[in-house]
N, C-alpha and C. Protein backbone atom coordinates (compact mmCIF):
# COMPACT_ATOMS: atom_id res chain seq x y z
N MET A 1 -12.15 0.47 25.05
CA MET A 1 -11.19 -0.72 24.69
C MET A 1 -9.86 -0.10 24.28
N SER A 2 -8.67 -0.61 24.80
CA SER A 2 -7.42 -0.16 24.34
C SER A 2 -6.86 -1.24 23.51
N VAL A 3 -5.83 -0.68 22.56
CA VAL A 3 -5.19 -1.81 21.71
C VAL A 3 -4.49 -2.80 22.59
N ARG A 4 -3.89 -2.35 23.69
CA ARG A 4 -3.17 -3.31 24.47
C ARG A 4 -4.04 -4.35 25.21
N ASN A 5 -5.20 -3.89 25.47
CA ASN A 5 -6.31 -4.92 26.19
C ASN A 5 -7.50 -4.99 25.26
N PRO A 6 -7.40 -5.69 24.04
CA PRO A 6 -8.61 -5.55 23.35
C PRO A 6 -9.77 -6.59 23.87
N SER A 7 -11.04 -6.30 23.60
CA SER A 7 -11.97 -7.25 24.10
C SER A 7 -11.82 -8.70 23.50
N LYS A 8 -12.42 -9.62 24.02
CA LYS A 8 -12.30 -10.94 23.43
C LYS A 8 -12.93 -10.97 21.91
N ALA A 9 -14.04 -10.22 21.74
CA ALA A 9 -14.65 -10.13 20.43
C ALA A 9 -13.68 -9.60 19.55
N LYS A 10 -13.15 -8.38 19.82
CA LYS A 10 -12.15 -7.76 19.01
C LYS A 10 -11.04 -8.66 18.66
N TYR A 11 -10.42 -9.36 19.61
CA TYR A 11 -9.22 -10.20 19.35
C TYR A 11 -9.64 -11.21 18.43
N LEU A 12 -10.79 -11.77 18.73
CA LEU A 12 -11.34 -12.94 17.81
C LEU A 12 -11.46 -12.32 16.39
N GLN A 13 -11.90 -11.21 16.02
CA GLN A 13 -12.06 -10.77 14.84
C GLN A 13 -10.78 -10.50 14.20
N TRP A 14 -9.69 -9.95 15.09
CA TRP A 14 -8.44 -9.95 14.46
C TRP A 14 -7.78 -11.25 13.99
N ARG A 15 -8.02 -12.26 14.78
CA ARG A 15 -7.60 -13.42 14.41
C ARG A 15 -8.22 -14.08 13.11
N ILE A 16 -9.52 -13.91 13.14
CA ILE A 16 -10.07 -14.21 11.81
C ILE A 16 -9.71 -13.53 10.69
N GLU A 17 -9.51 -12.30 10.79
CA GLU A 17 -8.98 -11.55 9.69
C GLU A 17 -7.43 -11.98 9.24
N CYS A 18 -6.74 -12.40 10.28
CA CYS A 18 -5.41 -12.82 9.90
C CYS A 18 -5.40 -14.09 9.28
N ILE A 19 -6.33 -15.09 9.72
CA ILE A 19 -6.54 -16.40 8.91
C ILE A 19 -6.93 -15.91 7.40
N GLY A 20 -8.00 -15.20 7.26
CA GLY A 20 -8.34 -14.72 5.97
C GLY A 20 -7.13 -14.18 5.07
N HIS A 21 -6.46 -13.35 5.65
CA HIS A 21 -5.18 -12.88 4.99
C HIS A 21 -4.24 -13.85 4.49
N THR A 22 -3.98 -14.94 5.47
CA THR A 22 -3.27 -16.03 5.15
C THR A 22 -3.82 -16.82 3.93
N LEU A 23 -5.01 -17.10 4.08
CA LEU A 23 -5.78 -17.86 2.83
C LEU A 23 -5.70 -16.96 1.62
N ILE A 24 -5.94 -15.81 1.61
CA ILE A 24 -5.86 -15.15 0.38
C ILE A 24 -4.34 -15.13 -0.27
N GLU A 25 -3.31 -14.97 0.63
CA GLU A 25 -2.04 -15.10 0.20
C GLU A 25 -1.78 -16.50 -0.46
N CYS A 26 -2.21 -17.48 0.17
CA CYS A 26 -1.94 -18.91 -0.36
C CYS A 26 -2.69 -18.99 -1.81
N ILE A 27 -3.93 -18.56 -1.74
CA ILE A 27 -4.68 -18.68 -3.07
C ILE A 27 -3.89 -17.84 -4.15
N ALA A 28 -3.65 -16.60 -3.80
CA ALA A 28 -2.93 -15.86 -4.81
C ALA A 28 -1.60 -16.26 -5.31
N GLY A 29 -0.82 -17.03 -4.42
CA GLY A 29 0.46 -17.54 -4.75
C GLY A 29 0.21 -18.70 -5.69
N LEU A 30 -0.93 -19.20 -5.99
CA LEU A 30 -1.24 -20.27 -6.92
C LEU A 30 -1.42 -19.90 -8.36
N LEU A 31 -1.73 -18.52 -8.40
CA LEU A 31 -2.10 -17.84 -9.65
C LEU A 31 -1.16 -17.01 -10.28
N PRO A 32 -1.24 -16.72 -11.55
CA PRO A 32 -0.25 -15.75 -12.05
C PRO A 32 -0.65 -14.49 -11.78
N GLY A 33 0.14 -13.45 -11.66
CA GLY A 33 0.02 -12.10 -11.10
C GLY A 33 -1.13 -11.24 -11.94
N PRO A 34 -1.13 -11.38 -13.36
CA PRO A 34 -2.37 -10.73 -13.90
C PRO A 34 -3.74 -11.15 -13.61
N TRP A 35 -3.61 -12.56 -13.20
CA TRP A 35 -5.03 -13.22 -12.82
C TRP A 35 -5.46 -12.60 -11.50
N VAL A 36 -4.37 -12.40 -10.65
CA VAL A 36 -4.78 -12.12 -9.33
C VAL A 36 -5.36 -10.83 -9.31
N PHE A 37 -4.80 -9.93 -10.14
CA PHE A 37 -5.29 -8.40 -10.34
C PHE A 37 -6.69 -8.45 -10.85
N ARG A 38 -6.93 -9.25 -11.91
CA ARG A 38 -8.23 -9.43 -12.47
C ARG A 38 -9.38 -9.91 -11.41
N VAL A 39 -8.97 -10.89 -10.69
CA VAL A 39 -9.85 -11.35 -9.53
C VAL A 39 -10.19 -10.37 -8.60
N GLY A 40 -9.21 -9.42 -8.23
CA GLY A 40 -9.33 -8.41 -7.37
C GLY A 40 -10.31 -7.34 -7.96
N GLU A 41 -10.19 -6.94 -9.01
CA GLU A 41 -11.06 -6.05 -9.99
C GLU A 41 -12.68 -6.71 -9.67
N CYS A 42 -12.76 -7.97 -10.10
CA CYS A 42 -14.02 -8.57 -10.15
C CYS A 42 -14.64 -8.61 -8.73
N LEU A 43 -13.77 -8.97 -7.59
CA LEU A 43 -14.44 -8.86 -6.35
C LEU A 43 -14.72 -7.41 -5.89
N GLY A 44 -13.92 -6.31 -6.38
CA GLY A 44 -14.27 -4.98 -6.12
C GLY A 44 -15.52 -4.78 -6.72
N ALA A 45 -15.87 -5.12 -8.05
CA ALA A 45 -17.19 -4.99 -8.65
C ALA A 45 -18.38 -5.53 -7.93
N LEU A 46 -17.90 -6.85 -7.43
CA LEU A 46 -19.14 -7.56 -6.54
C LEU A 46 -19.58 -6.88 -5.41
N ILE A 47 -18.45 -6.29 -4.67
CA ILE A 47 -18.91 -5.63 -3.42
C ILE A 47 -19.09 -4.19 -3.34
N TRP A 48 -19.02 -3.60 -4.59
CA TRP A 48 -19.16 -2.23 -4.72
C TRP A 48 -20.71 -1.83 -4.40
N PRO A 49 -21.78 -2.68 -4.68
CA PRO A 49 -23.01 -2.24 -4.12
C PRO A 49 -23.25 -2.26 -2.64
N PHE A 50 -22.43 -3.02 -2.14
CA PHE A 50 -22.83 -3.36 -0.70
C PHE A 50 -22.02 -2.47 0.34
N MET A 51 -21.25 -1.59 -0.29
CA MET A 51 -20.30 -0.73 0.32
C MET A 51 -20.80 0.87 0.44
N GLY A 52 -22.10 1.02 0.72
CA GLY A 52 -22.68 2.34 0.68
C GLY A 52 -21.89 3.53 1.23
N LYS A 53 -21.41 3.41 2.46
CA LYS A 53 -20.69 4.32 3.18
C LYS A 53 -19.52 4.88 2.53
N ARG A 54 -18.66 3.64 2.04
CA ARG A 54 -17.44 3.99 1.20
C ARG A 54 -17.76 4.55 -0.16
N ARG A 55 -18.76 4.04 -0.70
CA ARG A 55 -19.16 4.54 -2.13
C ARG A 55 -19.54 6.04 -2.06
N ARG A 56 -20.24 6.41 -0.94
CA ARG A 56 -20.67 7.90 -0.73
C ARG A 56 -19.42 8.92 -0.56
N ILE A 57 -18.43 8.24 0.01
CA ILE A 57 -17.25 8.91 0.37
C ILE A 57 -16.58 9.23 -0.89
N VAL A 58 -16.38 8.12 -1.65
CA VAL A 58 -15.59 8.24 -2.85
C VAL A 58 -16.22 9.05 -3.97
N ILE A 59 -17.47 9.05 -4.03
CA ILE A 59 -18.43 9.95 -4.90
C ILE A 59 -18.22 11.38 -4.52
N ARG A 60 -18.39 11.73 -3.28
CA ARG A 60 -18.30 12.98 -2.72
C ARG A 60 -16.86 13.69 -3.04
N ASN A 61 -15.82 12.74 -2.89
CA ASN A 61 -14.38 13.29 -3.13
C ASN A 61 -14.24 13.47 -4.44
N LEU A 62 -14.83 12.71 -5.37
CA LEU A 62 -14.63 12.96 -6.78
C LEU A 62 -15.49 14.27 -7.24
N ARG A 63 -16.58 14.44 -6.80
CA ARG A 63 -17.37 15.56 -7.16
C ARG A 63 -16.55 16.75 -6.69
N ILE A 64 -16.01 16.87 -5.58
CA ILE A 64 -15.12 17.95 -5.03
C ILE A 64 -13.94 18.23 -6.10
N ALA A 65 -13.30 17.07 -6.42
CA ALA A 65 -12.13 17.20 -7.15
C ALA A 65 -12.39 17.50 -8.67
N PHE A 66 -13.61 17.21 -9.17
CA PHE A 66 -13.95 17.39 -10.62
C PHE A 66 -15.11 18.28 -10.73
N ALA A 67 -15.40 19.23 -9.82
CA ALA A 67 -16.40 20.12 -9.88
C ALA A 67 -16.49 20.80 -11.16
N GLY A 68 -17.75 20.63 -11.87
CA GLY A 68 -17.85 21.36 -13.16
C GLY A 68 -17.26 20.71 -14.25
N GLU A 69 -16.33 19.69 -14.04
CA GLU A 69 -15.56 19.06 -15.17
C GLU A 69 -16.16 17.89 -15.56
N MET A 70 -16.80 17.09 -14.81
CA MET A 70 -17.64 15.95 -15.22
C MET A 70 -18.96 15.90 -14.61
N ASP A 71 -19.89 15.28 -15.41
CA ASP A 71 -21.17 15.02 -15.04
C ASP A 71 -21.38 13.84 -14.00
N ILE A 72 -22.33 13.77 -13.35
CA ILE A 72 -22.49 12.81 -12.15
C ILE A 72 -22.37 11.41 -12.70
N ALA A 73 -22.79 10.94 -13.96
CA ALA A 73 -22.56 9.59 -14.46
C ALA A 73 -21.18 9.41 -14.76
N GLU A 74 -20.34 10.35 -15.20
CA GLU A 74 -18.86 10.08 -15.27
C GLU A 74 -18.36 9.90 -13.90
N ILE A 75 -18.74 10.66 -12.99
CA ILE A 75 -18.18 10.64 -11.56
C ILE A 75 -18.34 9.15 -11.03
N HIS A 76 -19.72 8.77 -11.20
CA HIS A 76 -20.06 7.49 -10.60
C HIS A 76 -19.24 6.40 -11.31
N ARG A 77 -19.00 6.35 -12.78
CA ARG A 77 -18.13 5.43 -13.29
C ARG A 77 -16.77 5.47 -12.71
N MET A 78 -16.17 6.65 -12.52
CA MET A 78 -14.84 6.79 -12.16
C MET A 78 -14.76 6.25 -10.66
N ALA A 79 -15.90 6.47 -9.86
CA ALA A 79 -15.63 6.06 -8.55
C ALA A 79 -15.77 4.57 -8.38
N LYS A 80 -16.60 3.81 -9.31
CA LYS A 80 -16.74 2.48 -9.27
C LYS A 80 -15.32 1.84 -9.86
N ALA A 81 -14.69 2.49 -10.98
CA ALA A 81 -13.36 1.93 -11.36
C ALA A 81 -12.41 2.23 -10.37
N SER A 82 -12.40 3.24 -9.72
CA SER A 82 -11.29 3.45 -8.59
C SER A 82 -11.48 2.37 -7.61
N PHE A 83 -12.68 2.06 -7.09
CA PHE A 83 -13.03 1.07 -6.35
C PHE A 83 -12.49 -0.39 -6.57
N CYS A 84 -12.76 -0.65 -7.67
CA CYS A 84 -12.36 -1.91 -8.34
C CYS A 84 -10.74 -1.89 -8.53
N ARG A 85 -10.19 -0.82 -8.78
CA ARG A 85 -8.73 -0.77 -8.88
C ARG A 85 -8.09 -0.93 -7.59
N THR A 86 -8.63 -0.20 -6.46
CA THR A 86 -8.20 -0.54 -5.14
C THR A 86 -8.43 -1.84 -4.68
N ALA A 87 -9.49 -2.61 -4.97
CA ALA A 87 -9.60 -3.97 -4.54
C ALA A 87 -8.52 -4.78 -5.25
N ALA A 88 -8.45 -4.64 -6.58
CA ALA A 88 -7.29 -5.36 -7.26
C ALA A 88 -6.01 -5.11 -6.81
N ASN A 89 -5.58 -3.75 -6.31
CA ASN A 89 -4.32 -3.60 -5.69
C ASN A 89 -4.18 -4.32 -4.36
N MET A 90 -5.20 -4.21 -3.56
CA MET A 90 -5.31 -4.99 -2.28
C MET A 90 -5.02 -6.43 -2.39
N ILE A 91 -5.68 -7.07 -3.29
CA ILE A 91 -5.55 -8.51 -3.56
C ILE A 91 -4.18 -8.78 -4.11
N SER A 92 -3.71 -7.97 -4.96
CA SER A 92 -2.36 -8.17 -5.65
C SER A 92 -1.19 -8.08 -4.66
N VAL A 93 -1.51 -7.46 -3.40
CA VAL A 93 -0.46 -7.28 -2.47
C VAL A 93 -0.16 -8.76 -1.92
N ALA A 94 -1.18 -9.68 -1.94
CA ALA A 94 -0.98 -11.03 -1.49
C ALA A 94 -0.16 -11.76 -2.56
N TYR A 95 -0.12 -11.45 -3.75
CA TYR A 95 0.84 -11.94 -4.70
C TYR A 95 2.24 -11.50 -4.50
N THR A 96 2.34 -10.15 -4.66
CA THR A 96 3.62 -9.43 -4.73
C THR A 96 4.31 -9.49 -3.43
N ALA A 97 3.82 -9.72 -2.33
CA ALA A 97 4.56 -9.73 -0.90
C ALA A 97 5.33 -11.04 -0.90
N ARG A 98 5.10 -12.06 -1.64
CA ARG A 98 5.95 -13.26 -1.54
C ARG A 98 6.82 -13.44 -2.66
N LEU A 99 6.86 -12.47 -3.45
CA LEU A 99 7.93 -12.54 -4.69
C LEU A 99 9.32 -12.27 -4.14
N SER A 100 10.19 -13.10 -4.94
CA SER A 100 11.69 -12.99 -4.53
C SER A 100 12.14 -11.80 -5.06
N PRO A 101 13.30 -11.20 -4.61
CA PRO A 101 13.90 -10.04 -5.10
C PRO A 101 14.13 -10.18 -6.58
N LYS A 102 14.53 -11.19 -7.05
CA LYS A 102 14.80 -11.49 -8.53
C LYS A 102 13.48 -11.25 -9.29
N GLN A 103 12.35 -11.87 -8.80
CA GLN A 103 10.95 -11.86 -9.36
C GLN A 103 10.51 -10.51 -9.46
N LEU A 104 11.02 -9.59 -8.34
CA LEU A 104 10.46 -8.27 -8.48
C LEU A 104 10.80 -7.38 -9.44
N LYS A 105 11.96 -7.72 -9.98
CA LYS A 105 12.57 -7.05 -11.22
C LYS A 105 11.60 -7.42 -12.48
N ASP A 106 11.01 -8.46 -12.36
CA ASP A 106 9.97 -8.75 -13.55
C ASP A 106 8.83 -7.95 -13.52
N VAL A 107 8.40 -7.51 -12.31
CA VAL A 107 7.05 -6.92 -12.25
C VAL A 107 7.14 -5.31 -11.86
N LEU A 108 8.38 -4.87 -11.57
CA LEU A 108 8.49 -3.50 -11.13
C LEU A 108 9.63 -2.84 -11.93
N GLN A 109 9.43 -1.58 -12.52
CA GLN A 109 10.61 -0.88 -13.16
C GLN A 109 10.72 0.41 -12.43
N VAL A 110 11.86 0.78 -12.35
CA VAL A 110 12.18 2.24 -11.73
C VAL A 110 12.84 3.05 -13.05
N GLU A 111 12.24 4.06 -13.51
CA GLU A 111 12.66 4.70 -14.54
C GLU A 111 13.74 5.81 -14.07
N ASN A 112 14.74 6.09 -14.91
CA ASN A 112 15.67 7.19 -14.62
C ASN A 112 16.44 6.89 -13.33
N LEU A 113 16.70 5.63 -13.20
CA LEU A 113 17.65 4.96 -12.14
C LEU A 113 18.95 5.76 -11.95
N GLU A 114 19.41 6.08 -13.04
CA GLU A 114 20.66 6.94 -13.01
C GLU A 114 20.57 8.27 -12.25
N LEU A 115 19.42 8.86 -12.21
CA LEU A 115 19.37 10.22 -11.53
C LEU A 115 19.48 9.86 -9.89
N LEU A 116 18.94 8.77 -9.48
CA LEU A 116 18.88 8.43 -8.13
C LEU A 116 20.54 8.07 -7.92
N GLU A 117 21.05 7.35 -8.77
CA GLU A 117 22.60 6.99 -8.47
C GLU A 117 23.43 8.26 -8.38
N GLN A 118 23.12 9.22 -9.35
CA GLN A 118 23.92 10.64 -9.35
C GLN A 118 23.75 11.25 -8.12
N ALA A 119 22.45 11.21 -7.59
CA ALA A 119 22.17 12.11 -6.33
C ALA A 119 22.83 11.32 -5.02
N LEU A 120 22.75 10.05 -5.00
CA LEU A 120 23.39 9.25 -3.96
C LEU A 120 24.92 9.41 -4.06
N ALA A 121 25.52 9.43 -5.28
CA ALA A 121 26.90 9.54 -5.36
C ALA A 121 27.53 10.94 -4.69
N LYS A 122 26.65 12.05 -4.51
CA LYS A 122 27.02 13.11 -3.98
C LYS A 122 26.94 13.09 -2.50
N GLY A 123 26.52 12.01 -1.99
CA GLY A 123 26.42 11.69 -0.57
C GLY A 123 25.39 12.38 0.32
N HIS A 124 24.44 12.68 -0.48
CA HIS A 124 23.17 13.31 0.04
C HIS A 124 21.94 12.27 0.00
N GLY A 125 21.04 12.50 0.89
CA GLY A 125 19.87 11.70 0.79
C GLY A 125 18.98 12.22 -0.16
N VAL A 126 17.97 11.23 -0.62
CA VAL A 126 17.04 11.62 -1.66
C VAL A 126 15.58 11.30 -1.29
N VAL A 127 14.73 12.18 -1.39
CA VAL A 127 13.32 11.90 -0.81
C VAL A 127 12.59 11.65 -2.20
N LEU A 128 11.94 10.50 -2.13
CA LEU A 128 11.24 10.07 -3.23
C LEU A 128 9.75 10.17 -3.08
N LEU A 129 8.81 10.60 -3.90
CA LEU A 129 7.44 10.75 -3.82
C LEU A 129 6.79 9.54 -4.55
N LEU A 130 6.23 8.52 -3.95
CA LEU A 130 5.63 7.49 -4.70
C LEU A 130 4.19 7.53 -4.70
N ALA A 131 3.50 6.76 -5.36
CA ALA A 131 2.11 6.74 -5.55
C ALA A 131 1.31 6.52 -4.23
N HIS A 132 0.35 7.30 -4.06
CA HIS A 132 -0.37 7.10 -2.84
C HIS A 132 -1.29 5.83 -3.01
N MET A 133 -1.96 5.61 -4.20
CA MET A 133 -2.62 4.48 -4.59
C MET A 133 -1.85 3.48 -5.41
N GLY A 134 -1.90 2.30 -5.00
CA GLY A 134 -1.22 1.36 -5.67
C GLY A 134 -1.05 0.11 -4.77
N ASN A 135 0.00 -0.60 -5.10
CA ASN A 135 0.46 -1.95 -4.31
C ASN A 135 1.48 -1.57 -3.53
N TRP A 136 1.05 -1.16 -2.16
CA TRP A 136 1.95 -0.51 -1.25
C TRP A 136 3.09 -1.56 -0.80
N GLU A 137 2.79 -2.82 -0.67
CA GLU A 137 3.88 -3.74 -0.46
C GLU A 137 4.84 -3.88 -1.55
N LEU A 138 4.56 -3.72 -2.64
CA LEU A 138 5.46 -3.70 -3.78
C LEU A 138 6.43 -2.48 -3.64
N LEU A 139 5.77 -1.42 -3.48
CA LEU A 139 6.57 -0.25 -3.20
C LEU A 139 7.59 -0.26 -1.99
N SER A 140 7.21 -0.76 -0.91
CA SER A 140 8.12 -1.13 0.12
C SER A 140 9.32 -1.87 0.05
N ARG A 141 9.14 -2.71 -1.24
CA ARG A 141 10.23 -3.52 -1.44
C ARG A 141 11.15 -3.16 -2.64
N ILE A 142 11.02 -1.83 -3.03
CA ILE A 142 11.57 -1.14 -4.13
C ILE A 142 13.18 -1.09 -3.91
N ILE A 143 13.46 -1.36 -2.68
CA ILE A 143 14.98 -1.14 -2.43
C ILE A 143 15.86 -2.18 -3.21
N HIS A 144 15.15 -3.21 -3.57
CA HIS A 144 15.92 -4.30 -4.48
C HIS A 144 16.37 -3.86 -5.79
N LEU A 145 15.60 -2.69 -6.27
CA LEU A 145 15.91 -2.14 -7.55
C LEU A 145 16.93 -0.89 -7.38
N PHE A 146 17.28 -0.55 -6.22
CA PHE A 146 18.05 0.72 -6.05
C PHE A 146 19.60 0.12 -5.94
N PRO A 147 20.55 1.09 -6.24
CA PRO A 147 21.88 0.70 -6.07
C PRO A 147 22.27 0.03 -4.90
N PRO A 148 23.27 -0.92 -4.97
CA PRO A 148 23.58 -1.73 -3.85
C PRO A 148 24.06 -0.76 -2.64
N GLY A 149 23.66 -1.13 -1.40
CA GLY A 149 24.02 -0.33 -0.29
C GLY A 149 22.91 0.85 0.01
N SER A 150 22.04 1.05 -0.78
CA SER A 150 21.06 2.06 -0.59
C SER A 150 20.25 1.59 0.77
N ARG A 151 19.70 2.55 1.43
CA ARG A 151 18.96 2.47 2.70
C ARG A 151 17.68 3.30 2.15
N THR A 152 16.49 2.66 2.65
CA THR A 152 15.30 3.32 2.46
C THR A 152 14.40 3.28 3.63
N GLY A 153 13.47 4.36 3.76
CA GLY A 153 12.60 4.47 4.97
C GLY A 153 11.31 5.13 4.48
N ALA A 154 10.29 4.90 5.27
CA ALA A 154 8.96 5.46 4.77
C ALA A 154 8.08 5.65 5.96
N PHE A 155 7.16 6.63 6.08
CA PHE A 155 6.16 6.64 6.94
C PHE A 155 4.96 5.84 6.65
N TYR A 156 4.22 5.36 7.66
CA TYR A 156 3.14 4.61 7.31
C TYR A 156 2.01 4.79 8.57
N ARG A 157 0.76 4.47 8.24
CA ARG A 157 -0.23 4.34 9.22
C ARG A 157 -0.66 2.93 9.59
N PRO A 158 -0.58 2.63 10.76
CA PRO A 158 -0.71 1.30 11.08
C PRO A 158 -2.11 0.66 10.70
N LEU A 159 -2.15 -0.60 10.57
CA LEU A 159 -3.53 -1.13 10.11
C LEU A 159 -4.33 -1.32 11.49
N ASN A 160 -5.67 -1.23 11.27
CA ASN A 160 -6.54 -1.17 12.39
C ASN A 160 -6.36 -2.53 13.20
N ASN A 161 -6.11 -3.57 12.63
CA ASN A 161 -5.86 -4.94 13.28
C ASN A 161 -4.46 -5.03 13.63
N VAL A 162 -4.18 -5.02 15.06
CA VAL A 162 -2.93 -5.02 15.56
C VAL A 162 -2.08 -6.30 15.19
N LEU A 163 -2.66 -7.49 15.23
CA LEU A 163 -2.14 -8.72 14.95
C LEU A 163 -1.51 -8.59 13.45
N LEU A 164 -2.49 -8.16 12.41
CA LEU A 164 -2.16 -8.16 11.26
C LEU A 164 -1.08 -7.06 10.89
N ASP A 165 -1.11 -5.95 11.57
CA ASP A 165 -0.11 -4.87 11.48
C ASP A 165 1.17 -5.29 11.80
N ARG A 166 1.53 -6.22 12.90
CA ARG A 166 2.67 -6.63 13.20
C ARG A 166 3.32 -7.53 12.18
N ARG A 167 2.35 -8.37 11.49
CA ARG A 167 2.93 -9.20 10.51
C ARG A 167 3.23 -8.42 9.34
N VAL A 168 2.28 -7.58 8.87
CA VAL A 168 2.85 -6.76 7.66
C VAL A 168 3.93 -6.00 7.93
N LEU A 169 4.03 -5.21 8.97
CA LEU A 169 5.21 -4.50 9.35
C LEU A 169 6.54 -5.10 9.39
N ALA A 170 6.46 -6.54 9.90
CA ALA A 170 7.72 -7.29 9.85
C ALA A 170 8.21 -7.60 8.41
N ARG A 171 6.92 -8.06 7.57
CA ARG A 171 7.34 -8.25 6.42
C ARG A 171 7.93 -7.05 5.49
N ARG A 172 7.46 -5.86 5.59
CA ARG A 172 7.81 -4.73 4.96
C ARG A 172 9.36 -4.47 5.41
N GLU A 173 9.69 -4.63 6.56
CA GLU A 173 10.97 -4.26 7.11
C GLU A 173 11.98 -5.40 6.74
N ALA A 174 11.41 -6.60 6.49
CA ALA A 174 12.39 -7.62 6.07
C ALA A 174 13.39 -7.44 5.00
N ASP A 175 13.02 -6.55 3.97
CA ASP A 175 13.71 -6.19 2.88
C ASP A 175 14.70 -5.08 3.01
N GLY A 176 14.65 -4.48 4.31
CA GLY A 176 15.61 -3.48 4.59
C GLY A 176 14.88 -2.01 4.66
N THR A 177 13.71 -1.86 4.32
CA THR A 177 13.00 -0.47 4.42
C THR A 177 12.66 -0.32 5.84
N ARG A 178 12.84 0.79 6.43
CA ARG A 178 12.57 1.15 7.81
C ARG A 178 11.38 2.05 7.83
N PHE A 179 10.36 1.85 8.74
CA PHE A 179 8.96 2.59 8.71
C PHE A 179 9.00 3.22 10.10
N ARG A 180 8.41 4.53 9.88
CA ARG A 180 7.99 5.38 11.10
C ARG A 180 6.58 5.53 11.04
N LEU A 181 5.83 5.53 12.14
CA LEU A 181 4.52 5.90 12.15
C LEU A 181 4.34 7.40 11.62
N LEU A 182 3.24 7.60 11.01
CA LEU A 182 2.92 8.94 10.67
C LEU A 182 2.70 9.71 11.89
N GLY A 183 3.37 10.97 11.92
CA GLY A 183 3.37 11.91 12.99
C GLY A 183 4.39 11.73 14.02
N VAL A 184 5.01 10.67 14.09
CA VAL A 184 6.14 10.28 15.08
C VAL A 184 7.35 10.57 14.47
N GLY A 185 8.22 11.34 15.13
CA GLY A 185 9.38 11.59 14.52
C GLY A 185 9.47 12.78 13.54
N LEU A 186 8.53 13.30 13.14
CA LEU A 186 8.58 14.40 12.24
C LEU A 186 9.43 15.49 12.39
N SER A 187 9.61 15.64 13.86
CA SER A 187 10.50 16.87 14.25
C SER A 187 11.95 16.90 13.71
N ASN A 188 12.44 15.38 13.58
CA ASN A 188 13.66 15.20 13.00
C ASN A 188 13.80 15.84 11.68
N LEU A 189 12.78 16.11 10.83
CA LEU A 189 12.98 16.54 9.47
C LEU A 189 13.04 18.13 9.61
N ALA A 190 12.68 18.81 10.63
CA ALA A 190 12.96 20.26 10.79
C ALA A 190 14.21 20.75 10.79
N PRO A 191 14.60 21.76 10.21
CA PRO A 191 15.96 22.29 10.25
C PRO A 191 16.30 22.77 11.61
N ALA A 192 17.50 22.56 12.10
CA ALA A 192 18.04 23.09 13.36
C ALA A 192 17.87 24.49 13.59
N GLN A 193 17.75 24.84 14.88
CA GLN A 193 17.70 26.26 15.17
C GLN A 193 18.96 26.90 14.66
N GLY A 194 18.74 28.18 14.10
CA GLY A 194 19.75 29.06 13.53
C GLY A 194 20.23 28.43 12.26
N ALA A 195 19.80 27.43 11.75
CA ALA A 195 20.49 26.93 10.45
C ALA A 195 19.85 27.76 9.43
């Protein structure tokens, strides 16, 4: 099966996922932001026991990262907390993706913004390293907190659901951030020959 010619079953799955995404966004839009986050944490805790494959991956990775520093009980607690936090962030995306630029300033803060302004004033670009874990949609809209005229871009991995990927990418780019697929166009970052 190719992405261009998905099977009928795959296309139906994508459509159902898009409908679910829309419903979650509608429900999240009715609740205050902190409630949405808490609901996400609770959902993460509820589905944790049923996600055996994902649970084993998280625990394995934590055992590698904290070898000899934590006992297995601590690793299991951290794995579950990480899973709940990830679920909360994923549900929170449904809330923050619909916030106006003015509302974004109430939920997102950029520290040391003057450093960014100073670097941009010199006429050079700036590379920002943002959190790998978190509310990605919120981070894609961070341009609203930057100095006027700023341009932003980021690399991304497309979603497995092609229909949902188109929707999410269009929303991410609506605020002015431009995206490139991971691994595509990286040669543009290499120095020129002889430089």
